[in-house]
Amino acid sequence: MDRLDFLLDTNVVIGLLKDRTEAVSLLKRQGCGLNNSAISQITRMELLSHPGLEARNENQISAFLEVCAVIPLSE
């Protein structure tokens, strides 16, 4: 993993997972990729705890989490 320059929030990750043009374009313009980005543990929990999360969406989120750095909670 390279240096982490970006911390992605839940809404941006959802936009990426849904292939929303706005989210994808924003991150491309900023030079943001999975090699220099991370999410917080809280974002991870928000993604996985959405009410009514369907299995296919859960699988997509899990696949994203396998390749994305997650910053753990700390004091």
N, C-alpha and C. Protein backbone atom coordinates (compact mmCIF):
# COMPACT_ATOMS: atom_id res chain seq x y z
N MET A 1 0.84 -1.18 0.00
CA MET A 1 0.00 0.00 0.00
C MET A 1 0.88 1.23 0.00
N ASP A 2 0.51 2.20 -0.81
CA ASP A 2 1.20 3.47 -0.86
C ASP A 2 0.75 4.35 0.29
N ARG A 3 1.22 5.57 0.26
CA ARG A 3 0.83 6.55 1.26
C ARG A 3 -0.68 6.81 1.18
N LEU A 4 -1.32 6.96 2.32
CA LEU A 4 -2.75 7.26 2.35
C LEU A 4 -2.96 8.77 2.30
N ASP A 5 -3.59 9.24 1.23
CA ASP A 5 -3.85 10.66 1.04
C ASP A 5 -5.32 11.02 1.22
N PHE A 6 -6.19 10.03 1.14
CA PHE A 6 -7.63 10.29 1.16
C PHE A 6 -8.33 9.39 2.16
N LEU A 7 -9.28 9.98 2.88
CA LEU A 7 -10.16 9.22 3.76
C LEU A 7 -11.57 9.37 3.17
N LEU A 8 -12.08 8.27 2.66
CA LEU A 8 -13.38 8.29 1.98
C LEU A 8 -14.51 8.14 2.99
N ASP A 9 -15.54 8.96 2.85
CA ASP A 9 -16.67 8.81 3.74
C ASP A 9 -17.70 7.85 3.13
N THR A 10 -18.68 7.50 3.91
CA THR A 10 -19.66 6.50 3.52
C THR A 10 -20.39 6.86 2.23
N ASN A 11 -20.80 8.12 2.10
CA ASN A 11 -21.54 8.52 0.91
C ASN A 11 -20.72 8.40 -0.36
N VAL A 12 -19.44 8.71 -0.28
CA VAL A 12 -18.57 8.57 -1.45
C VAL A 12 -18.42 7.10 -1.82
N VAL A 13 -18.23 6.25 -0.83
CA VAL A 13 -18.08 4.82 -1.11
C VAL A 13 -19.36 4.27 -1.74
N ILE A 14 -20.51 4.66 -1.22
CA ILE A 14 -21.78 4.22 -1.80
C ILE A 14 -21.88 4.69 -3.25
N GLY A 15 -21.48 5.93 -3.50
CA GLY A 15 -21.48 6.44 -4.87
C GLY A 15 -20.58 5.63 -5.79
N LEU A 16 -19.41 5.24 -5.27
CA LEU A 16 -18.51 4.40 -6.07
C LEU A 16 -19.12 3.03 -6.34
N LEU A 17 -19.68 2.42 -5.31
CA LEU A 17 -20.26 1.09 -5.46
C LEU A 17 -21.45 1.09 -6.41
N LYS A 18 -22.16 2.21 -6.47
CA LYS A 18 -23.30 2.33 -7.38
C LYS A 18 -22.88 2.90 -8.73
N ASP A 19 -21.58 3.12 -8.89
CA ASP A 19 -21.00 3.65 -10.13
C ASP A 19 -21.63 4.98 -10.52
N ARG A 20 -21.83 5.83 -9.52
CA ARG A 20 -22.39 7.17 -9.76
C ARG A 20 -21.32 8.04 -10.42
N THR A 21 -21.67 8.65 -11.52
CA THR A 21 -20.74 9.46 -12.30
C THR A 21 -20.08 10.53 -11.45
N GLU A 22 -20.85 11.19 -10.59
CA GLU A 22 -20.32 12.28 -9.76
C GLU A 22 -19.20 11.80 -8.85
N ALA A 23 -19.42 10.68 -8.19
CA ALA A 23 -18.42 10.15 -7.26
C ALA A 23 -17.17 9.68 -8.00
N VAL A 24 -17.37 8.94 -9.08
CA VAL A 24 -16.24 8.42 -9.84
C VAL A 24 -15.42 9.57 -10.42
N SER A 25 -16.08 10.56 -11.00
CA SER A 25 -15.39 11.70 -11.60
C SER A 25 -14.62 12.51 -10.56
N LEU A 26 -15.24 12.73 -9.42
CA LEU A 26 -14.59 13.48 -8.35
C LEU A 26 -13.28 12.82 -7.93
N LEU A 27 -13.33 11.53 -7.69
CA LEU A 27 -12.14 10.83 -7.23
C LEU A 27 -11.07 10.77 -8.31
N LYS A 28 -11.47 10.60 -9.56
CA LYS A 28 -10.49 10.60 -10.65
C LYS A 28 -9.80 11.96 -10.76
N ARG A 29 -10.58 13.04 -10.67
CA ARG A 29 -9.99 14.39 -10.75
C ARG A 29 -8.99 14.64 -9.63
N GLN A 30 -9.24 14.07 -8.47
CA GLN A 30 -8.38 14.28 -7.31
C GLN A 30 -7.18 13.33 -7.27
N GLY A 31 -7.15 12.36 -8.17
CA GLY A 31 -6.07 11.36 -8.15
C GLY A 31 -6.24 10.35 -7.04
N CYS A 32 -7.47 10.10 -6.69
CA CYS A 32 -7.79 9.21 -5.58
C CYS A 32 -8.05 7.80 -6.11
N GLY A 33 -7.35 6.83 -5.54
CA GLY A 33 -7.55 5.43 -5.90
C GLY A 33 -7.42 4.57 -4.66
N LEU A 34 -7.67 3.30 -4.80
CA LEU A 34 -7.59 2.41 -3.63
C LEU A 34 -6.17 2.28 -3.10
N ASN A 35 -5.18 2.61 -3.90
CA ASN A 35 -3.79 2.52 -3.44
C ASN A 35 -3.40 3.68 -2.53
N ASN A 36 -4.17 4.77 -2.53
CA ASN A 36 -3.82 5.91 -1.68
C ASN A 36 -5.01 6.40 -0.85
N SER A 37 -5.99 5.52 -0.65
CA SER A 37 -7.20 5.89 0.09
C SER A 37 -7.51 4.85 1.18
N ALA A 38 -8.31 5.31 2.11
CA ALA A 38 -8.76 4.41 3.18
C ALA A 38 -10.16 4.84 3.60
N ILE A 39 -10.78 4.00 4.38
CA ILE A 39 -12.04 4.35 5.04
C ILE A 39 -11.84 4.13 6.53
N SER A 40 -12.70 4.73 7.32
CA SER A 40 -12.63 4.51 8.76
C SER A 40 -13.42 3.26 9.13
N GLN A 41 -13.15 2.77 10.31
CA GLN A 41 -13.91 1.63 10.83
C GLN A 41 -15.39 1.98 10.92
N ILE A 42 -15.69 3.24 11.22
CA ILE A 42 -17.08 3.67 11.31
C ILE A 42 -17.76 3.58 9.95
N THR A 43 -17.07 3.98 8.89
CA THR A 43 -17.62 3.84 7.54
C THR A 43 -17.86 2.38 7.23
N ARG A 44 -16.93 1.52 7.60
CA ARG A 44 -17.11 0.08 7.38
C ARG A 44 -18.38 -0.41 8.07
N MET A 45 -18.57 0.00 9.32
CA MET A 45 -19.76 -0.42 10.06
C MET A 45 -21.03 0.14 9.43
N GLU A 46 -21.00 1.39 8.97
CA GLU A 46 -22.17 1.98 8.33
C GLU A 46 -22.53 1.24 7.05
N LEU A 47 -21.53 0.88 6.26
CA LEU A 47 -21.79 0.17 5.01
C LEU A 47 -22.45 -1.19 5.25
N LEU A 48 -21.98 -1.89 6.28
CA LEU A 48 -22.47 -3.25 6.53
C LEU A 48 -23.74 -3.30 7.37
N SER A 49 -24.12 -2.20 7.99
CA SER A 49 -25.28 -2.24 8.88
C SER A 49 -26.50 -1.54 8.30
N HIS A 50 -26.48 -1.23 7.02
CA HIS A 50 -27.62 -0.56 6.40
C HIS A 50 -28.85 -1.46 6.49
N PRO A 51 -29.97 -0.91 6.98
CA PRO A 51 -31.19 -1.72 7.08
C PRO A 51 -31.63 -2.23 5.70
N GLY A 52 -32.01 -3.47 5.64
CA GLY A 52 -32.49 -4.04 4.39
C GLY A 52 -31.40 -4.32 3.37
N LEU A 53 -30.18 -4.43 3.82
CA LEU A 53 -29.05 -4.70 2.92
C LEU A 53 -29.26 -6.05 2.24
N GLU A 54 -29.29 -6.04 0.92
CA GLU A 54 -29.49 -7.27 0.17
C GLU A 54 -28.17 -8.03 0.04
N ALA A 55 -28.26 -9.33 -0.14
CA ALA A 55 -27.07 -10.18 -0.22
C ALA A 55 -26.11 -9.73 -1.31
N ARG A 56 -26.63 -9.35 -2.48
CA ARG A 56 -25.74 -8.94 -3.57
C ARG A 56 -24.99 -7.66 -3.22
N ASN A 57 -25.67 -6.73 -2.51
CA ASN A 57 -25.00 -5.51 -2.08
C ASN A 57 -23.97 -5.80 -1.00
N GLU A 58 -24.31 -6.71 -0.10
CA GLU A 58 -23.37 -7.10 0.96
C GLU A 58 -22.12 -7.73 0.35
N ASN A 59 -22.29 -8.54 -0.68
CA ASN A 59 -21.15 -9.15 -1.35
C ASN A 59 -20.29 -8.09 -2.03
N GLN A 60 -20.93 -7.11 -2.65
CA GLN A 60 -20.19 -6.03 -3.30
C GLN A 60 -19.40 -5.21 -2.28
N ILE A 61 -20.03 -4.91 -1.16
CA ILE A 61 -19.36 -4.16 -0.10
C ILE A 61 -18.19 -4.98 0.46
N SER A 62 -18.41 -6.25 0.70
CA SER A 62 -17.35 -7.12 1.23
C SER A 62 -16.16 -7.18 0.27
N ALA A 63 -16.43 -7.25 -1.02
CA ALA A 63 -15.35 -7.27 -2.01
C ALA A 63 -14.57 -5.96 -1.98
N PHE A 64 -15.27 -4.85 -1.83
CA PHE A 64 -14.61 -3.55 -1.71
C PHE A 64 -13.74 -3.51 -0.46
N LEU A 65 -14.27 -3.99 0.66
CA LEU A 65 -13.54 -3.94 1.92
C LEU A 65 -12.29 -4.82 1.91
N GLU A 66 -12.29 -5.87 1.09
CA GLU A 66 -11.12 -6.73 0.99
C GLU A 66 -9.92 -6.00 0.39
N VAL A 67 -10.16 -4.98 -0.43
CA VAL A 67 -9.06 -4.30 -1.10
C VAL A 67 -8.84 -2.88 -0.60
N CYS A 68 -9.68 -2.42 0.31
CA CYS A 68 -9.58 -1.06 0.82
C CYS A 68 -8.98 -1.07 2.23
N ALA A 69 -8.09 -0.13 2.48
CA ALA A 69 -7.53 0.00 3.83
C ALA A 69 -8.60 0.54 4.77
N VAL A 70 -8.67 -0.05 5.96
CA VAL A 70 -9.63 0.39 6.97
C VAL A 70 -8.83 0.88 8.18
N ILE A 71 -9.07 2.12 8.56
CA ILE A 71 -8.37 2.70 9.71
C ILE A 71 -9.16 2.34 10.97
N PRO A 72 -8.51 1.64 11.90
CA PRO A 72 -9.23 1.20 13.11
C PRO A 72 -9.54 2.37 14.04
N LEU A 73 -10.48 2.11 14.93
CA LEU A 73 -10.81 3.11 15.96
C LEU A 73 -9.66 3.19 16.96
N SER A 74 -9.48 4.36 17.49
CA SER A 74 -8.48 4.55 18.54
C SER A 74 -9.02 5.56 19.54
N GLU A 75 -8.35 5.67 20.63
CA GLU A 75 -8.76 6.61 21.67
C GLU A 75 -8.72 8.01 21.11
